[in-house]
Amino acid sequence: MTLSSKEKKELKAQAHHLKPVIRMGQHGLTDGVIAETDSALTIHELIKVHIQSGERDERLGDAQNLASSTKAELVHSIGKTYILYRKNPTPKQA
């Protein structure tokens, strides 16, 4: 799944008002963080992740690894906050 630049722009706009639901701290990318992120993506499809520790390249690597571990797409990054998107295969119940 690769998002077009237009889709990414729309997702960034949708994510603008969101608060980070996942916070990755000094322990980095753990199985618990992956499981929580997977769960949050299943529920919300579009989430923000805050990665506290490390240098910029290290944080980006962690975000990319988290995205690939959860089969999500890294939409955008601003500072220490990363936007992840994964389409939910089952439609939401109304």
PDB file of N, CA and C in Angstrom:
ATOM      1  N   MET A   1       0.850  -1.166   0.000  1.00  0.00           N
ATOM      2  CA  MET A   1       0.000   0.000   0.000  1.00  0.00           C
ATOM      3  C   MET A   1       0.901   1.237   0.000  1.00  0.00           C
ATOM      4  N   THR A   2       0.802   2.007  -1.040  1.00  0.00           N
ATOM      5  CA  THR A   2       1.535   3.258  -1.102  1.00  0.00           C
ATOM      6  C   THR A   2       0.535   4.380  -1.340  1.00  0.00           C
ATOM      7  N   LEU A   3       0.622   5.372  -0.514  1.00  0.00           N
ATOM      8  CA  LEU A   3      -0.295   6.501  -0.606  1.00  0.00           C
ATOM      9  C   LEU A   3       0.237   7.539  -1.580  1.00  0.00           C
ATOM     10  N   SER A   4      -0.677   8.140  -2.333  1.00  0.00           N
ATOM     11  CA  SER A   4      -0.285   9.227  -3.221  1.00  0.00           C
ATOM     12  C   SER A   4      -0.051  10.486  -2.384  1.00  0.00           C
ATOM     13  N   SER A   5       0.577  11.480  -2.981  1.00  0.00           N
ATOM     14  CA  SER A   5       0.827  12.717  -2.244  1.00  0.00           C
ATOM     15  C   SER A   5      -0.487  13.409  -1.889  1.00  0.00           C
ATOM     16  N   LYS A   6      -1.500  13.283  -2.737  1.00  0.00           N
ATOM     17  CA  LYS A   6      -2.806  13.868  -2.449  1.00  0.00           C
ATOM     18  C   LYS A   6      -3.441  13.187  -1.232  1.00  0.00           C
ATOM     19  N   GLU A   7      -3.344  11.849  -1.178  1.00  0.00           N
ATOM     20  CA  GLU A   7      -3.894  11.104  -0.037  1.00  0.00           C
ATOM     21  C   GLU A   7      -3.158  11.473   1.246  1.00  0.00           C
ATOM     22  N   LYS A   8      -1.836  11.582   1.170  1.00  0.00           N
ATOM     23  CA  LYS A   8      -1.055  11.965   2.346  1.00  0.00           C
ATOM     24  C   LYS A   8      -1.447  13.354   2.838  1.00  0.00           C
ATOM     25  N   LYS A   9      -1.662  14.284   1.911  1.00  0.00           N
ATOM     26  CA  LYS A   9      -2.055  15.636   2.278  1.00  0.00           C
ATOM     27  C   LYS A   9      -3.397  15.626   3.004  1.00  0.00           C
ATOM     28  N   GLU A  10      -4.356  14.830   2.505  1.00  0.00           N
ATOM     29  CA  GLU A  10      -5.670  14.729   3.141  1.00  0.00           C
ATOM     30  C   GLU A  10      -5.555  14.100   4.537  1.00  0.00           C
ATOM     31  N   LEU A  11      -4.716  13.067   4.667  1.00  0.00           N
ATOM     32  CA  LEU A  11      -4.532  12.414   5.962  1.00  0.00           C
ATOM     33  C   LEU A  11      -3.854  13.348   6.958  1.00  0.00           C
ATOM     34  N   LYS A  12      -2.883  14.140   6.491  1.00  0.00           N
ATOM     35  CA  LYS A  12      -2.230  15.109   7.373  1.00  0.00           C
ATOM     36  C   LYS A  12      -3.241  16.113   7.904  1.00  0.00           C
ATOM     37  N   ALA A  13      -4.141  16.555   7.043  1.00  0.00           N
ATOM     38  CA  ALA A  13      -5.176  17.498   7.463  1.00  0.00           C
ATOM     39  C   ALA A  13      -6.105  16.857   8.492  1.00  0.00           C
ATOM     40  N   GLN A  14      -6.478  15.603   8.278  1.00  0.00           N
ATOM     41  CA  GLN A  14      -7.346  14.893   9.232  1.00  0.00           C
ATOM     42  C   GLN A  14      -6.648  14.696  10.574  1.00  0.00           C
ATOM     43  N   ALA A  15      -5.342  14.485  10.541  1.00  0.00           N
ATOM     44  CA  ALA A  15      -4.589  14.193  11.767  1.00  0.00           C
ATOM     45  C   ALA A  15      -4.210  15.449  12.538  1.00  0.00           C
ATOM     46  N   HIS A  16      -4.397  16.595  11.942  1.00  0.00           N
ATOM     47  CA  HIS A  16      -3.930  17.842  12.556  1.00  0.00           C
ATOM     48  C   HIS A  16      -4.432  18.024  13.997  1.00  0.00           C
ATOM     49  N   HIS A  17      -5.685  17.747  14.242  1.00  0.00           N
ATOM     50  CA  HIS A  17      -6.274  17.970  15.572  1.00  0.00           C
ATOM     51  C   HIS A  17      -6.041  16.812  16.544  1.00  0.00           C
ATOM     52  N   LEU A  18      -5.480  15.703  16.065  1.00  0.00           N
ATOM     53  CA  LEU A  18      -5.292  14.531  16.926  1.00  0.00           C
ATOM     54  C   LEU A  18      -4.145  14.723  17.912  1.00  0.00           C
ATOM     55  N   LYS A  19      -4.291  14.112  19.065  1.00  0.00           N
ATOM     56  CA  LYS A  19      -3.215  14.050  20.053  1.00  0.00           C
ATOM     57  C   LYS A  19      -2.519  12.690  19.892  1.00  0.00           C
ATOM     58  N   PRO A  20      -1.228  12.598  20.229  1.00  0.00           N
ATOM     59  CA  PRO A  20      -0.555  11.304  20.143  1.00  0.00           C
ATOM     60  C   PRO A  20      -1.211  10.271  21.063  1.00  0.00           C
ATOM     61  N   VAL A  21      -1.483   9.091  20.520  1.00  0.00           N
ATOM     62  CA  VAL A  21      -2.078   8.021  21.322  1.00  0.00           C
ATOM     63  C   VAL A  21      -1.027   7.008  21.761  1.00  0.00           C
ATOM     64  N   ILE A  22       0.137   7.050  21.126  1.00  0.00           N
ATOM     65  CA  ILE A  22       1.242   6.158  21.482  1.00  0.00           C
ATOM     66  C   ILE A  22       2.441   7.035  21.824  1.00  0.00           C
ATOM     67  N   ARG A  23       3.076   6.730  22.935  1.00  0.00           N
ATOM     68  CA  ARG A  23       4.298   7.429  23.332  1.00  0.00           C
ATOM     69  C   ARG A  23       5.407   6.398  23.504  1.00  0.00           C
ATOM     70  N   MET A  24       6.474   6.569  22.729  1.00  0.00           N
ATOM     71  CA  MET A  24       7.608   5.668  22.794  1.00  0.00           C
ATOM     72  C   MET A  24       8.715   6.369  23.573  1.00  0.00           C
ATOM     73  N   GLY A  25       9.148   5.749  24.664  1.00  0.00           N
ATOM     74  CA  GLY A  25      10.132   6.376  25.523  1.00  0.00           C
ATOM     75  C   GLY A  25      11.515   5.786  25.388  1.00  0.00           C
ATOM     76  N   GLN A  26      12.229   5.726  26.509  1.00  0.00           N
ATOM     77  CA  GLN A  26      13.637   5.332  26.529  1.00  0.00           C
ATOM     78  C   GLN A  26      13.875   3.882  26.134  1.00  0.00           C
ATOM     79  N   HIS A  27      12.850   3.024  26.250  1.00  0.00           N
ATOM     80  CA  HIS A  27      13.031   1.616  25.901  1.00  0.00           C
ATOM     81  C   HIS A  27      12.871   1.370  24.406  1.00  0.00           C
ATOM     82  N   GLY A  28      12.474   2.393  23.675  1.00  0.00           N
ATOM     83  CA  GLY A  28      12.394   2.294  22.224  1.00  0.00           C
ATOM     84  C   GLY A  28      11.264   1.410  21.741  1.00  0.00           C
ATOM     85  N   LEU A  29      11.501   0.760  20.623  1.00  0.00           N
ATOM     86  CA  LEU A  29      10.491  -0.055  19.959  1.00  0.00           C
ATOM     87  C   LEU A  29      10.445  -1.435  20.610  1.00  0.00           C
ATOM     88  N   THR A  30       9.446  -1.647  21.453  1.00  0.00           N
ATOM     89  CA  THR A  30       9.287  -2.921  22.146  1.00  0.00           C
ATOM     90  C   THR A  30       8.059  -3.644  21.599  1.00  0.00           C
ATOM     91  N   ASP A  31       7.914  -4.911  21.982  1.00  0.00           N
ATOM     92  CA  ASP A  31       6.739  -5.681  21.567  1.00  0.00           C
ATOM     93  C   ASP A  31       5.455  -5.035  22.075  1.00  0.00           C
ATOM     94  N   GLY A  32       5.515  -4.457  23.271  1.00  0.00           N
ATOM     95  CA  GLY A  32       4.345  -3.780  23.834  1.00  0.00           C
ATOM     96  C   GLY A  32       3.929  -2.569  23.022  1.00  0.00           C
ATOM     97  N   VAL A  33       4.914  -1.788  22.577  1.00  0.00           N
ATOM     98  CA  VAL A  33       4.628  -0.604  21.757  1.00  0.00           C
ATOM     99  C   VAL A  33       4.016  -1.036  20.421  1.00  0.00           C
ATOM    100  N   ILE A  34       4.559  -2.094  19.834  1.00  0.00           N
ATOM    101  CA  ILE A  34       4.028  -2.603  18.565  1.00  0.00           C
ATOM    102  C   ILE A  34       2.592  -3.084  18.743  1.00  0.00           C
ATOM    103  N   ALA A  35       2.320  -3.819  19.822  1.00  0.00           N
ATOM    104  CA  ALA A  35       0.975  -4.333  20.073  1.00  0.00           C
ATOM    105  C   ALA A  35      -0.023  -3.200  20.301  1.00  0.00           C
ATOM    106  N   GLU A  36       0.361  -2.205  21.089  1.00  0.00           N
ATOM    107  CA  GLU A  36      -0.522  -1.060  21.349  1.00  0.00           C
ATOM    108  C   GLU A  36      -0.787  -0.262  20.071  1.00  0.00           C
ATOM    109  N   THR A  37       0.243  -0.090  19.269  1.00  0.00           N
ATOM    110  CA  THR A  37       0.092   0.643  18.008  1.00  0.00           C
ATOM    111  C   THR A  37      -0.822  -0.125  17.057  1.00  0.00           C
ATOM    112  N   ASP A  38      -0.638  -1.433  16.984  1.00  0.00           N
ATOM    113  CA  ASP A  38      -1.491  -2.268  16.135  1.00  0.00           C
ATOM    114  C   ASP A  38      -2.954  -2.143  16.556  1.00  0.00           C
ATOM    115  N   SER A  39      -3.183  -2.193  17.847  1.00  0.00           N
ATOM    116  CA  SER A  39      -4.537  -2.052  18.381  1.00  0.00           C
ATOM    117  C   SER A  39      -5.120  -0.677  18.070  1.00  0.00           C
ATOM    118  N   ALA A  40      -4.336   0.370  18.276  1.00  0.00           N
ATOM    119  CA  ALA A  40      -4.804   1.741  18.016  1.00  0.00           C
ATOM    120  C   ALA A  40      -5.116   1.946  16.536  1.00  0.00           C
ATOM    121  N   LEU A  41      -4.291   1.372  15.651  1.00  0.00           N
ATOM    122  CA  LEU A  41      -4.544   1.490  14.217  1.00  0.00           C
ATOM    123  C   LEU A  41      -5.811   0.753  13.810  1.00  0.00           C
ATOM    124  N   THR A  42      -6.068  -0.386  14.442  1.00  0.00           N
ATOM    125  CA  THR A  42      -7.289  -1.138  14.151  1.00  0.00           C
ATOM    126  C   THR A  42      -8.514  -0.327  14.540  1.00  0.00           C
ATOM    127  N   ILE A  43      -8.426   0.363  15.655  1.00  0.00           N
ATOM    128  CA  ILE A  43      -9.559   1.159  16.152  1.00  0.00           C
ATOM    129  C   ILE A  43      -9.711   2.466  15.376  1.00  0.00           C
ATOM    130  N   HIS A  44      -8.617   3.199  15.183  1.00  0.00           N
ATOM    131  CA  HIS A  44      -8.686   4.566  14.667  1.00  0.00           C
ATOM    132  C   HIS A  44      -8.262   4.742  13.205  1.00  0.00           C
ATOM    133  N   GLU A  45      -7.490   3.840  12.656  1.00  0.00           N
ATOM    134  CA  GLU A  45      -6.905   3.919  11.307  1.00  0.00           C
ATOM    135  C   GLU A  45      -5.813   4.983  11.183  1.00  0.00           C
ATOM    136  N   LEU A  46      -6.017   6.155  11.757  1.00  0.00           N
ATOM    137  CA  LEU A  46      -5.071   7.265  11.655  1.00  0.00           C
ATOM    138  C   LEU A  46      -4.685   7.688  13.065  1.00  0.00           C
ATOM    139  N   ILE A  47      -3.383   7.601  13.384  1.00  0.00           N
ATOM    140  CA  ILE A  47      -2.934   7.933  14.739  1.00  0.00           C
ATOM    141  C   ILE A  47      -1.653   8.754  14.683  1.00  0.00           C
ATOM    142  N   LYS A  48      -1.376   9.409  15.808  1.00  0.00           N
ATOM    143  CA  LYS A  48      -0.094  10.086  15.996  1.00  0.00           C
ATOM    144  C   LYS A  48       0.700   9.315  17.041  1.00  0.00           C
ATOM    145  N   VAL A  49       2.007   9.216  16.787  1.00  0.00           N
ATOM    146  CA  VAL A  49       2.929   8.555  17.701  1.00  0.00           C
ATOM    147  C   VAL A  49       3.997   9.564  18.086  1.00  0.00           C
ATOM    148  N   HIS A  50       4.266   9.666  19.382  1.00  0.00           N
ATOM    149  CA  HIS A  50       5.313  10.565  19.873  1.00  0.00           C
ATOM    150  C   HIS A  50       6.507   9.718  20.286  1.00  0.00           C
ATOM    151  N   ILE A  51       7.661   9.981  19.682  1.00  0.00           N
ATOM    152  CA  ILE A  51       8.889   9.241  19.995  1.00  0.00           C
ATOM    153  C   ILE A  51       9.826  10.206  20.696  1.00  0.00           C
ATOM    154  N   GLN A  52      10.054   9.945  21.987  1.00  0.00           N
ATOM    155  CA  GLN A  52      10.787  10.886  22.828  1.00  0.00           C
ATOM    156  C   GLN A  52      12.297  10.813  22.659  1.00  0.00           C
ATOM    157  N   SER A  53      12.855   9.613  22.692  1.00  0.00           N
ATOM    158  CA  SER A  53      14.309   9.505  22.814  1.00  0.00           C
ATOM    159  C   SER A  53      15.014   9.370  21.473  1.00  0.00           C
ATOM    160  N   GLY A  54      16.304   9.659  21.489  1.00  0.00           N
ATOM    161  CA  GLY A  54      17.142   9.472  20.321  1.00  0.00           C
ATOM    162  C   GLY A  54      17.278  10.721  19.472  1.00  0.00           C
ATOM    163  N   GLU A  55      18.189  10.624  18.515  1.00  0.00           N
ATOM    164  CA  GLU A  55      18.400  11.696  17.552  1.00  0.00           C
ATOM    165  C   GLU A  55      17.354  11.585  16.444  1.00  0.00           C
ATOM    166  N   ARG A  56      17.279  12.591  15.604  1.00  0.00           N
ATOM    167  CA  ARG A  56      16.250  12.648  14.569  1.00  0.00           C
ATOM    168  C   ARG A  56      16.264  11.418  13.655  1.00  0.00           C
ATOM    169  N   ASP A  57      17.434  11.019  13.185  1.00  0.00           N
ATOM    170  CA  ASP A  57      17.521   9.859  12.292  1.00  0.00           C
ATOM    171  C   ASP A  57      17.102   8.576  13.004  1.00  0.00           C
ATOM    172  N   GLU A  58      17.459   8.469  14.277  1.00  0.00           N
ATOM    173  CA  GLU A  58      17.092   7.297  15.069  1.00  0.00           C
ATOM    174  C   GLU A  58      15.573   7.240  15.280  1.00  0.00           C
ATOM    175  N   ARG A  59      14.979   8.390  15.572  1.00  0.00           N
ATOM    176  CA  ARG A  59      13.517   8.450  15.748  1.00  0.00           C
ATOM    177  C   ARG A  59      12.799   8.090  14.451  1.00  0.00           C
ATOM    178  N   LEU A  60      13.302   8.608  13.325  1.00  0.00           N
ATOM    179  CA  LEU A  60      12.696   8.290  12.035  1.00  0.00           C
ATOM    180  C   LEU A  60      12.801   6.796  11.749  1.00  0.00           C
ATOM    181  N   GLY A  61      13.941   6.210  12.060  1.00  0.00           N
ATOM    182  CA  GLY A  61      14.118   4.761  11.885  1.00  0.00           C
ATOM    183  C   GLY A  61      13.143   3.973  12.743  1.00  0.00           C
ATOM    184  N   ASP A  62      12.960   4.407  14.003  1.00  0.00           N
ATOM    185  CA  ASP A  62      11.992   3.744  14.885  1.00  0.00           C
ATOM    186  C   ASP A  62      10.574   3.865  14.324  1.00  0.00           C
ATOM    187  N   ALA A  63      10.227   5.042  13.805  1.00  0.00           N
ATOM    188  CA  ALA A  63       8.895   5.251  13.233  1.00  0.00           C
ATOM    189  C   ALA A  63       8.691   4.377  11.999  1.00  0.00           C
ATOM    190  N   GLN A  64       9.706   4.269  11.155  1.00  0.00           N
ATOM    191  CA  GLN A  64       9.612   3.428   9.966  1.00  0.00           C
ATOM    192  C   GLN A  64       9.508   1.952  10.352  1.00  0.00           C
ATOM    193  N   ASN A  65      10.265   1.532  11.352  1.00  0.00           N
ATOM    194  CA  ASN A  65      10.185   0.148  11.828  1.00  0.00           C
ATOM    195  C   ASN A  65       8.826  -0.144  12.443  1.00  0.00           C
ATOM    196  N   LEU A  66       8.288   0.805  13.191  1.00  0.00           N
ATOM    197  CA  LEU A  66       6.967   0.647  13.782  1.00  0.00           C
ATOM    198  C   LEU A  66       5.906   0.528  12.693  1.00  0.00           C
ATOM    199  N   ALA A  67       6.010   1.367  11.673  1.00  0.00           N
ATOM    200  CA  ALA A  67       5.060   1.323  10.557  1.00  0.00           C
ATOM    201  C   ALA A  67       5.124  -0.021   9.841  1.00  0.00           C
ATOM    202  N   SER A  68       6.320  -0.508   9.558  1.00  0.00           N
ATOM    203  CA  SER A  68       6.428  -1.785   8.855  1.00  0.00           C
ATOM    204  C   SER A  68       6.000  -2.955   9.741  1.00  0.00           C
ATOM    205  N   SER A  69       6.256  -2.865  11.037  1.00  0.00           N
ATOM    206  CA  SER A  69       5.848  -3.927  11.969  1.00  0.00           C
ATOM    207  C   SER A  69       4.331  -4.036  12.090  1.00  0.00           C
ATOM    208  N   THR A  70       3.637  -2.940  11.874  1.00  0.00           N
ATOM    209  CA  THR A  70       2.175  -2.928  12.005  1.00  0.00           C
ATOM    210  C   THR A  70       1.480  -2.867  10.641  1.00  0.00           C
ATOM    211  N   LYS A  71       2.275  -2.991   9.570  1.00  0.00           N
ATOM    212  CA  LYS A  71       1.750  -2.920   8.194  1.00  0.00           C
ATOM    213  C   LYS A  71       1.011  -1.602   7.948  1.00  0.00           C
ATOM    214  N   ALA A  72       1.569  -0.529   8.482  1.00  0.00           N
ATOM    215  CA  ALA A  72       0.986   0.804   8.346  1.00  0.00           C
ATOM    216  C   ALA A  72       1.856   1.642   7.422  1.00  0.00           C
ATOM    217  N   GLU A  73       1.354   2.797   7.087  1.00  0.00           N
ATOM    218  CA  GLU A  73       2.072   3.745   6.241  1.00  0.00           C
ATOM    219  C   GLU A  73       2.475   4.943   7.091  1.00  0.00           C
ATOM    220  N   LEU A  74       3.741   5.326   7.016  1.00  0.00           N
ATOM    221  CA  LEU A  74       4.205   6.541   7.683  1.00  0.00           C
ATOM    222  C   LEU A  74       3.809   7.717   6.797  1.00  0.00           C
ATOM    223  N   VAL A  75       2.853   8.510   7.263  1.00  0.00           N
ATOM    224  CA  VAL A  75       2.292   9.592   6.461  1.00  0.00           C
ATOM    225  C   VAL A  75       3.155  10.841   6.525  1.00  0.00           C
ATOM    226  N   HIS A  76       3.583  11.221   7.732  1.00  0.00           N
ATOM    227  CA  HIS A  76       4.286  12.487   7.901  1.00  0.00           C
ATOM    228  C   HIS A  76       4.969  12.527   9.261  1.00  0.00           C
ATOM    229  N   SER A  77       5.951  13.392   9.387  1.00  0.00           N
ATOM    230  CA  SER A  77       6.587  13.597  10.689  1.00  0.00           C
ATOM    231  C   SER A  77       6.790  15.091  10.913  1.00  0.00           C
ATOM    232  N   ILE A  78       6.575  15.478  12.164  1.00  0.00           N
ATOM    233  CA  ILE A  78       6.826  16.856  12.587  1.00  0.00           C
ATOM    234  C   ILE A  78       7.546  16.753  13.925  1.00  0.00           C
ATOM    235  N   GLY A  79       8.811  17.088  13.944  1.00  0.00           N
ATOM    236  CA  GLY A  79       9.581  17.003  15.183  1.00  0.00           C
ATOM    237  C   GLY A  79       9.633  15.573  15.686  1.00  0.00           C
ATOM    238  N   LYS A  80       9.089  15.348  16.873  1.00  0.00           N
ATOM    239  CA  LYS A  80       9.106  14.023  17.493  1.00  0.00           C
ATOM    240  C   LYS A  80       7.774  13.296  17.321  1.00  0.00           C
ATOM    241  N   THR A  81       6.879  13.852  16.505  1.00  0.00           N
ATOM    242  CA  THR A  81       5.554  13.276  16.309  1.00  0.00           C
ATOM    243  C   THR A  81       5.434  12.728  14.894  1.00  0.00           C
ATOM    244  N   TYR A  82       4.914  11.514  14.794  1.00  0.00           N
ATOM    245  CA  TYR A  82       4.795  10.818  13.518  1.00  0.00           C
ATOM    246  C   TYR A  82       3.340  10.402  13.315  1.00  0.00           C
ATOM    247  N   ILE A  83       2.864  10.528  12.083  1.00  0.00           N
ATOM    248  CA  ILE A  83       1.496  10.154  11.744  1.00  0.00           C
ATOM    249  C   ILE A  83       1.532   8.821  11.005  1.00  0.00           C
ATOM    250  N   LEU A  84       0.778   7.852  11.523  1.00  0.00           N
ATOM    251  CA  LEU A  84       0.682   6.537  10.903  1.00  0.00           C
ATOM    252  C   LEU A  84      -0.750   6.290  10.447  1.00  0.00           C
ATOM    253  N   TYR A  85      -0.887   5.585   9.324  1.00  0.00           N
ATOM    254  CA  TYR A  85      -2.200   5.260   8.782  1.00  0.00           C
ATOM    255  C   TYR A  85      -2.211   3.805   8.320  1.00  0.00           C
ATOM    256  N   ARG A  86      -3.280   3.115   8.669  1.00  0.00           N
ATOM    257  CA  ARG A  86      -3.508   1.763   8.153  1.00  0.00           C
ATOM    258  C   ARG A  86      -5.007   1.599   7.972  1.00  0.00           C
ATOM    259  N   LYS A  87      -5.413   1.354   6.738  1.00  0.00           N
ATOM    260  CA  LYS A  87      -6.840   1.173   6.452  1.00  0.00           C
ATOM    261  C   LYS A  87      -7.323  -0.076   7.170  1.00  0.00           C
ATOM    262  N   ASN A  88      -8.456   0.070   7.849  1.00  0.00           N
ATOM    263  CA  ASN A  88      -9.069  -1.051   8.541  1.00  0.00           C
ATOM    264  C   ASN A  88      -9.784  -1.916   7.507  1.00  0.00           C
ATOM    265  N   PRO A  89      -9.445  -3.203   7.420  1.00  0.00           N
ATOM    266  CA  PRO A  89     -10.070  -4.050   6.388  1.00  0.00           C
ATOM    267  C   PRO A  89     -11.566  -4.271   6.597  1.00  0.00           C
ATOM    268  N   THR A  90     -12.031  -4.131   7.838  1.00  0.00           N
ATOM    269  CA  THR A  90     -13.463  -4.288   8.098  1.00  0.00           C
ATOM    270  C   THR A  90     -14.078  -2.918   8.319  1.00  0.00           C
ATOM    271  N   PRO A  91     -15.158  -2.603   7.592  1.00  0.00           N
ATOM    272  CA  PRO A  91     -15.774  -1.280   7.753  1.00  0.00           C
ATOM    273  C   PRO A  91     -16.319  -1.079   9.163  1.00  0.00           C
ATOM    274  N   LYS A  92     -16.311   0.188   9.586  1.00  0.00           N
ATOM    275  CA  LYS A  92     -16.819   0.519  10.924  1.00  0.00           C
ATOM    276  C   LYS A  92     -18.323   0.314  10.990  1.00  0.00           C
ATOM    277  N   GLN A  93     -18.783  -0.176  12.135  1.00  0.00           N
ATOM    278  CA  GLN A  93     -20.223  -0.358  12.362  1.00  0.00           C
ATOM    279  C   GLN A  93     -20.816   0.982  12.765  1.00  0.00           C
ATOM    280  N   ALA A  94     -21.960   1.318  12.191  1.00  0.00           N
ATOM    281  CA  ALA A  94     -22.613   2.586  12.517  1.00  0.00           C
ATOM    282  C   ALA A  94     -23.494   2.463  13.726  1.00  0.00           C
TER     283      ALA A  94
END
